């Protein structure tokens, strides 16, 4: 295991627009991480897999409002 395979939490927070609390919640939900000394580190592919997948509620198509408006006329 090499340190170059991982990104420190501090560096993730500088590169990605998220808070430290978001990372902590993600770890509780299953985001893999490694402690290297005093650092919490993540693999870049794990971060991308966890945060770049669409959320289930966002991937569902929105209901058409046209049908509701036609009924009211």
PDB file of N, CA and C in Angstrom:
ATOM      1  N   UNK A   1       0.852  -1.175   0.000  1.00  0.00           N
ATOM      2  CA  UNK A   1       0.000   0.000   0.000  1.00  0.00           C
ATOM      3  C   UNK A   1       0.895   1.235   0.000  1.00  0.00           C
ATOM      4  N   UNK A   2       0.729   2.056  -1.046  1.00  0.00           N
ATOM      5  CA  UNK A   2       1.535   3.260  -1.175  1.00  0.00           C
ATOM      6  C   UNK A   2       0.680   4.481  -0.877  1.00  0.00           C
ATOM      7  N   UNK A   3       1.294   5.483  -0.324  1.00  0.00           N
ATOM      8  CA  UNK A   3       0.589   6.721  -0.031  1.00  0.00           C
ATOM      9  C   UNK A   3       0.125   7.408  -1.308  1.00  0.00           C
ATOM     10  N   UNK A   4       0.844   7.193  -2.416  1.00  0.00           N
ATOM     11  CA  UNK A   4       0.473   7.845  -3.677  1.00  0.00           C
ATOM     12  C   UNK A   4      -0.829   7.291  -4.254  1.00  0.00           C
ATOM     13  N   UNK A   5      -1.286   6.134  -3.796  1.00  0.00           N
ATOM     14  CA  UNK A   5      -2.546   5.554  -4.267  1.00  0.00           C
ATOM     15  C   UNK A   5      -3.753   6.200  -3.596  1.00  0.00           C
ATOM     16  N   UNK A   6      -3.521   7.022  -2.596  1.00  0.00           N
ATOM     17  CA  UNK A   6      -4.594   7.593  -1.792  1.00  0.00           C
ATOM     18  C   UNK A   6      -4.543   9.116  -1.800  1.00  0.00           C
ATOM     19  N   UNK A   7      -5.693   9.726  -1.533  1.00  0.00           N
ATOM     20  CA  UNK A   7      -5.793  11.175  -1.392  1.00  0.00           C
ATOM     21  C   UNK A   7      -6.165  11.470   0.056  1.00  0.00           C
ATOM     22  N   UNK A   8      -5.431  12.380   0.670  1.00  0.00           N
ATOM     23  CA  UNK A   8      -5.748  12.748   2.048  1.00  0.00           C
ATOM     24  C   UNK A   8      -7.076  13.500   2.104  1.00  0.00           C
ATOM     25  N   UNK A   9      -7.740  13.386   3.235  1.00  0.00           N
ATOM     26  CA  UNK A   9      -9.025  14.049   3.422  1.00  0.00           C
ATOM     27  C   UNK A   9      -8.899  15.556   3.193  1.00  0.00           C
ATOM     28  N   UNK A  10      -7.824  16.130   3.674  1.00  0.00           N
ATOM     29  CA  UNK A  10      -7.576  17.564   3.507  1.00  0.00           C
ATOM     30  C   UNK A  10      -7.535  17.942   2.024  1.00  0.00           C
ATOM     31  N   UNK A  11      -6.888  17.113   1.216  1.00  0.00           N
ATOM     32  CA  UNK A  11      -6.781  17.391  -0.216  1.00  0.00           C
ATOM     33  C   UNK A  11      -8.116  17.186  -0.932  1.00  0.00           C
ATOM     34  N   UNK A  12      -8.897  16.218  -0.482  1.00  0.00           N
ATOM     35  CA  UNK A  12     -10.227  15.995  -1.064  1.00  0.00           C
ATOM     36  C   UNK A  12     -11.088  17.236  -0.848  1.00  0.00           C
ATOM     37  N   UNK A  13     -11.032  17.799   0.349  1.00  0.00           N
ATOM     38  CA  UNK A  13     -11.850  18.968   0.670  1.00  0.00           C
ATOM     39  C   UNK A  13     -11.440  20.189  -0.142  1.00  0.00           C
ATOM     40  N   UNK A  14     -10.165  20.264  -0.537  1.00  0.00           N
ATOM     41  CA  UNK A  14      -9.703  21.378  -1.369  1.00  0.00           C
ATOM     42  C   UNK A  14     -10.137  21.204  -2.823  1.00  0.00           C
ATOM     43  N   UNK A  15     -10.213  19.960  -3.300  1.00  0.00           N
ATOM     44  CA  UNK A  15     -10.505  19.695  -4.709  1.00  0.00           C
ATOM     45  C   UNK A  15     -11.990  19.517  -4.997  1.00  0.00           C
ATOM     46  N   UNK A  16     -12.735  18.980  -4.056  1.00  0.00           N
ATOM     47  CA  UNK A  16     -14.158  18.693  -4.270  1.00  0.00           C
ATOM     48  C   UNK A  16     -14.989  19.690  -3.465  1.00  0.00           C
ATOM     49  N   UNK A  17     -16.113  20.149  -4.002  1.00  0.00           N
ATOM     50  CA  UNK A  17     -16.952  21.116  -3.270  1.00  0.00           C
ATOM     51  C   UNK A  17     -17.856  20.427  -2.245  1.00  0.00           C
ATOM     52  N   UNK A  18     -17.286  20.058  -1.114  1.00  0.00           N
ATOM     53  CA  UNK A  18     -18.069  19.409  -0.063  1.00  0.00           C
ATOM     54  C   UNK A  18     -17.447  19.722   1.285  1.00  0.00           C
ATOM     55  N   UNK A  19     -18.192  19.473   2.327  1.00  0.00           N
ATOM     56  CA  UNK A  19     -17.705  19.726   3.677  1.00  0.00           C
ATOM     57  C   UNK A  19     -17.133  18.449   4.281  1.00  0.00           C
ATOM     58  N   UNK A  20     -16.431  18.632   5.382  1.00  0.00           N
ATOM     59  CA  UNK A  20     -15.876  17.482   6.091  1.00  0.00           C
ATOM     60  C   UNK A  20     -17.000  16.602   6.641  1.00  0.00           C
ATOM     61  N   UNK A  21     -18.094  17.224   7.050  1.00  0.00           N
ATOM     62  CA  UNK A  21     -19.235  16.464   7.564  1.00  0.00           C
ATOM     63  C   UNK A  21     -19.812  15.541   6.489  1.00  0.00           C
ATOM     64  N   UNK A  22     -19.796  15.993   5.243  1.00  0.00           N
ATOM     65  CA  UNK A  22     -20.283  15.158   4.142  1.00  0.00           C
ATOM     66  C   UNK A  22     -19.420  13.917   4.000  1.00  0.00           C
ATOM     67  N   UNK A  23     -18.107  14.079   4.116  1.00  0.00           N
ATOM     68  CA  UNK A  23     -17.208  12.922   4.036  1.00  0.00           C
ATOM     69  C   UNK A  23     -17.427  11.967   5.206  1.00  0.00           C
ATOM     70  N   UNK A  24     -17.645  12.507   6.381  1.00  0.00           N
ATOM     71  CA  UNK A  24     -17.880  11.658   7.556  1.00  0.00           C
ATOM     72  C   UNK A  24     -19.175  10.860   7.378  1.00  0.00           C
ATOM     73  N   UNK A  25     -20.233  11.526   6.883  1.00  0.00           N
ATOM     74  CA  UNK A  25     -21.495  10.808   6.628  1.00  0.00           C
ATOM     75  C   UNK A  25     -21.305   9.737   5.562  1.00  0.00           C
ATOM     76  N   UNK A  26     -20.512  10.044   4.540  1.00  0.00           N
ATOM     77  CA  UNK A  26     -20.259   9.067   3.474  1.00  0.00           C
ATOM     78  C   UNK A  26     -19.500   7.859   4.022  1.00  0.00           C
ATOM     79  N   UNK A  27     -18.566   8.086   4.934  1.00  0.00           N
ATOM     80  CA  UNK A  27     -17.840   6.956   5.545  1.00  0.00           C
ATOM     81  C   UNK A  27     -18.800   6.081   6.333  1.00  0.00           C
ATOM     82  N   UNK A  28     -19.747   6.690   7.034  1.00  0.00           N
ATOM     83  CA  UNK A  28     -20.731   5.912   7.796  1.00  0.00           C
ATOM     84  C   UNK A  28     -21.636   5.105   6.876  1.00  0.00           C
ATOM     85  N   UNK A  29     -21.862   5.618   5.652  1.00  0.00           N
ATOM     86  CA  UNK A  29     -22.717   4.919   4.689  1.00  0.00           C
ATOM     87  C   UNK A  29     -21.946   3.907   3.858  1.00  0.00           C
ATOM     88  N   UNK A  30     -20.632   3.803   4.064  1.00  0.00           N
ATOM     89  CA  UNK A  30     -19.893   2.748   3.385  1.00  0.00           C
ATOM     90  C   UNK A  30     -18.763   3.185   2.477  1.00  0.00           C
ATOM     91  N   UNK A  31     -18.437   4.476   2.422  1.00  0.00           N
ATOM     92  CA  UNK A  31     -17.303   4.925   1.617  1.00  0.00           C
ATOM     93  C   UNK A  31     -16.015   4.351   2.210  1.00  0.00           C
ATOM     94  N   UNK A  32     -15.269   3.554   1.435  1.00  0.00           N
ATOM     95  CA  UNK A  32     -14.029   2.978   1.966  1.00  0.00           C
ATOM     96  C   UNK A  32     -12.991   4.062   2.249  1.00  0.00           C
ATOM     97  N   UNK A  33     -12.287   3.909   3.358  1.00  0.00           N
ATOM     98  CA  UNK A  33     -11.211   4.826   3.703  1.00  0.00           C
ATOM     99  C   UNK A  33     -10.130   4.063   4.441  1.00  0.00           C
ATOM    100  N   UNK A  34      -8.969   4.691   4.521  1.00  0.00           N
ATOM    101  CA  UNK A  34      -7.827   4.073   5.192  1.00  0.00           C
ATOM    102  C   UNK A  34      -7.211   5.115   6.104  1.00  0.00           C
ATOM    103  N   UNK A  35      -6.805   4.695   7.283  1.00  0.00           N
ATOM    104  CA  UNK A  35      -6.057   5.583   8.172  1.00  0.00           C
ATOM    105  C   UNK A  35      -4.578   5.302   7.970  1.00  0.00           C
ATOM    106  N   UNK A  36      -3.856   6.316   7.537  1.00  0.00           N
ATOM    107  CA  UNK A  36      -2.405   6.217   7.394  1.00  0.00           C
ATOM    108  C   UNK A  36      -1.794   7.201   8.381  1.00  0.00           C
ATOM    109  N   UNK A  37      -1.407   6.675   9.531  1.00  0.00           N
ATOM    110  CA  UNK A  37      -0.917   7.546  10.592  1.00  0.00           C
ATOM    111  C   UNK A  37      -2.061   8.406  11.103  1.00  0.00           C
ATOM    112  N   UNK A  38      -1.860   9.722  11.070  1.00  0.00           N
ATOM    113  CA  UNK A  38      -2.884  10.655  11.538  1.00  0.00           C
ATOM    114  C   UNK A  38      -3.848  11.061  10.431  1.00  0.00           C
ATOM    115  N   UNK A  39      -3.617  10.582   9.209  1.00  0.00           N
ATOM    116  CA  UNK A  39      -4.420  11.003   8.060  1.00  0.00           C
ATOM    117  C   UNK A  39      -5.532  10.010   7.742  1.00  0.00           C
ATOM    118  N   UNK A  40      -6.681  10.540   7.357  1.00  0.00           N
ATOM    119  CA  UNK A  40      -7.751   9.729   6.783  1.00  0.00           C
ATOM    120  C   UNK A  40      -7.600   9.885   5.282  1.00  0.00           C
ATOM    121  N   UNK A  41      -7.481   8.761   4.572  1.00  0.00           N
ATOM    122  CA  UNK A  41      -7.213   8.805   3.135  1.00  0.00           C
ATOM    123  C   UNK A  41      -8.255   7.997   2.367  1.00  0.00           C
ATOM    124  N   UNK A  42      -8.458   8.417   1.114  1.00  0.00           N
ATOM    125  CA  UNK A  42      -9.428   7.769   0.231  1.00  0.00           C
ATOM    126  C   UNK A  42      -8.766   7.463  -1.097  1.00  0.00           C
ATOM    127  N   UNK A  43      -9.239   6.422  -1.769  1.00  0.00           N
ATOM    128  CA  UNK A  43      -8.787   6.155  -3.133  1.00  0.00           C
ATOM    129  C   UNK A  43      -9.637   6.997  -4.077  1.00  0.00           C
ATOM    130  N   UNK A  44      -9.037   7.590  -5.094  1.00  0.00           N
ATOM    131  CA  UNK A  44      -9.811   8.432  -6.025  1.00  0.00           C
ATOM    132  C   UNK A  44     -10.979   7.692  -6.677  1.00  0.00           C
ATOM    133  N   UNK A  45     -10.774   6.430  -7.040  1.00  0.00           N
ATOM    134  CA  UNK A  45     -11.856   5.677  -7.692  1.00  0.00           C
ATOM    135  C   UNK A  45     -13.019   5.417  -6.741  1.00  0.00           C
ATOM    136  N   UNK A  46     -12.737   5.272  -5.433  1.00  0.00           N
ATOM    137  CA  UNK A  46     -13.816   5.087  -4.460  1.00  0.00           C
ATOM    138  C   UNK A  46     -14.644   6.362  -4.312  1.00  0.00           C
ATOM    139  N   UNK A  47     -13.963   7.518  -4.298  1.00  0.00           N
ATOM    140  CA  UNK A  47     -14.669   8.795  -4.204  1.00  0.00           C
ATOM    141  C   UNK A  47     -15.571   9.011  -5.412  1.00  0.00           C
ATOM    142  N   UNK A  48     -15.037   8.735  -6.598  1.00  0.00           N
ATOM    143  CA  UNK A  48     -15.822   8.922  -7.815  1.00  0.00           C
ATOM    144  C   UNK A  48     -17.020   7.981  -7.846  1.00  0.00           C
ATOM    145  N   UNK A  49     -16.806   6.739  -7.446  1.00  0.00           N
ATOM    146  CA  UNK A  49     -17.899   5.766  -7.459  1.00  0.00           C
ATOM    147  C   UNK A  49     -18.995   6.158  -6.464  1.00  0.00           C
ATOM    148  N   UNK A  50     -18.595   6.682  -5.313  1.00  0.00           N
ATOM    149  CA  UNK A  50     -19.582   7.011  -4.278  1.00  0.00           C
ATOM    150  C   UNK A  50     -20.343   8.300  -4.590  1.00  0.00           C
ATOM    151  N   UNK A  51     -19.641   9.331  -5.050  1.00  0.00           N
ATOM    152  CA  UNK A  51     -20.270  10.639  -5.207  1.00  0.00           C
ATOM    153  C   UNK A  51     -20.764  10.933  -6.618  1.00  0.00           C
ATOM    154  N   UNK A  52     -20.313  10.208  -7.617  1.00  0.00           N
ATOM    155  CA  UNK A  52     -20.704  10.516  -8.996  1.00  0.00           C
ATOM    156  C   UNK A  52     -21.879   9.689  -9.487  1.00  0.00           C
ATOM    157  N   UNK A  53     -22.340   8.716  -8.729  1.00  0.00           N
ATOM    158  CA  UNK A  53     -23.521   7.945  -9.121  1.00  0.00           C
ATOM    159  C   UNK A  53     -24.761   8.794  -8.896  1.00  0.00           C
ATOM    160  N   UNK A  54     -25.715   8.766  -9.825  1.00  0.00           N
ATOM    161  CA  UNK A  54     -26.939   9.550  -9.620  1.00  0.00           C
ATOM    162  C   UNK A  54     -27.747   8.992  -8.459  1.00  0.00           C
ATOM    163  N   UNK A  55     -28.363   9.875  -7.722  1.00  0.00           N
ATOM    164  CA  UNK A  55     -29.219   9.450  -6.615  1.00  0.00           C
ATOM    165  C   UNK A  55     -30.514   8.898  -7.177  1.00  0.00           C
ATOM    166  N   UNK A  56     -31.106   7.960  -6.473  1.00  0.00           N
ATOM    167  CA  UNK A  56     -32.311   7.303  -6.984  1.00  0.00           C
ATOM    168  C   UNK A  56     -33.455   8.294  -7.166  1.00  0.00           C
ATOM    169  N   UNK A  57     -33.599   9.253  -6.269  1.00  0.00           N
ATOM    170  CA  UNK A  57     -34.714  10.189  -6.387  1.00  0.00           C
ATOM    171  C   UNK A  57     -34.477  11.196  -7.498  1.00  0.00           C
ATOM    172  N   UNK A  58     -33.232  11.389  -7.915  1.00  0.00           N
ATOM    173  CA  UNK A  58     -32.956  12.308  -9.012  1.00  0.00           C
ATOM    174  C   UNK A  58     -33.078  11.613 -10.363  1.00  0.00           C
ATOM    175  N   UNK A  59     -32.899  10.319 -10.410  1.00  0.00           N
ATOM    176  CA  UNK A  59     -32.903   9.618 -11.685  1.00  0.00           C
ATOM    177  C   UNK A  59     -34.316   9.295 -12.173  1.00  0.00           C
ATOM    178  N   UNK A  60     -35.310   9.390 -11.300  1.00  0.00           N
ATOM    179  CA  UNK A  60     -36.687   9.118 -11.704  1.00  0.00           C
ATOM    180  C   UNK A  60     -37.217  10.297 -12.514  1.00  0.00           C
ATOM    181  N   UNK A  61     -37.933  10.027 -13.601  1.00  0.00           N
ATOM    182  CA  UNK A  61     -38.482  11.135 -14.393  1.00  0.00           C
ATOM    183  C   UNK A  61     -39.571  11.872 -13.620  1.00  0.00           C
ATOM    184  N   UNK A  62     -39.582  13.174 -13.762  1.00  0.00           N
ATOM    185  CA  UNK A  62     -40.586  13.986 -13.076  1.00  0.00           C
ATOM    186  C   UNK A  62     -41.941  13.830 -13.758  1.00  0.00           C
ATOM    187  N   UNK A  63     -43.001  13.925 -12.972  1.00  0.00           N
ATOM    188  CA  UNK A  63     -44.347  13.818 -13.536  1.00  0.00           C
ATOM    189  C   UNK A  63     -44.642  15.043 -14.386  1.00  0.00           C
ATOM    190  N   UNK A  64     -45.355  14.827 -15.425  1.00  0.00           N
ATOM    191  CA  UNK A  64     -45.741  15.921 -16.311  1.00  0.00           C
ATOM    192  C   UNK A  64     -46.846  16.745 -15.659  1.00  0.00           C
ATOM    193  N   UNK A  65     -46.667  18.051 -15.630  1.00  0.00           N
ATOM    194  CA  UNK A  65     -47.687  18.926 -15.055  1.00  0.00           C
ATOM    195  C   UNK A  65     -48.754  19.272 -16.087  1.00  0.00           C
ATOM    196  N   UNK A  66     -48.518  18.942 -17.347  1.00  0.00           N
ATOM    197  CA  UNK A  66     -49.471  19.273 -18.402  1.00  0.00           C
ATOM    198  C   UNK A  66     -50.807  18.572 -18.178  1.00  0.00           C
ATOM    199  N   UNK A  67     -50.781  17.317 -17.800  1.00  0.00           N
ATOM    200  CA  UNK A  67     -52.007  16.563 -17.567  1.00  0.00           C
ATOM    201  C   UNK A  67     -52.826  17.160 -16.439  1.00  0.00           C
ATOM    202  N   UNK A  68     -52.178  17.641 -15.411  1.00  0.00           N
ATOM    203  CA  UNK A  68     -52.880  18.237 -14.282  1.00  0.00           C
ATOM    204  C   UNK A  68     -53.511  19.569 -14.680  1.00  0.00           C
ATOM    205  N   UNK A  69     -52.838  20.336 -15.519  1.00  0.00           N
ATOM    206  CA  UNK A  69     -53.368  21.628 -15.938  1.00  0.00           C
ATOM    207  C   UNK A  69     -54.558  21.451 -16.874  1.00  0.00           C
ATOM    208  N   UNK A  70     -54.518  20.441 -17.743  1.00  0.00           N
ATOM    209  CA  UNK A  70     -55.618  20.195 -18.661  1.00  0.00           C
ATOM    210  C   UNK A  70     -56.890  19.799 -17.913  1.00  0.00           C
ATOM    211  N   UNK A  71     -56.734  19.074 -16.803  1.00  0.00           N
ATOM    212  CA  UNK A  71     -57.890  18.642 -16.027  1.00  0.00           C
ATOM    213  C   UNK A  71     -58.577  19.825 -15.347  1.00  0.00           C
ATOM    214  N   UNK A  72     -57.799  20.839 -15.001  1.00  0.00           N
ATOM    215  CA  UNK A  72     -58.352  21.970 -14.272  1.00  0.00           C
ATOM    216  C   UNK A  72     -59.082  22.943 -15.188  1.00  0.00           C
ATOM    217  N   UNK A  73     -58.830  22.919 -16.473  1.00  0.00           N
ATOM    218  CA  UNK A  73     -59.446  23.874 -17.409  1.00  0.00           C
ATOM    219  C   UNK A  73     -60.891  23.597 -17.658  1.00  0.00           C
TER     220      UNK A  73
END
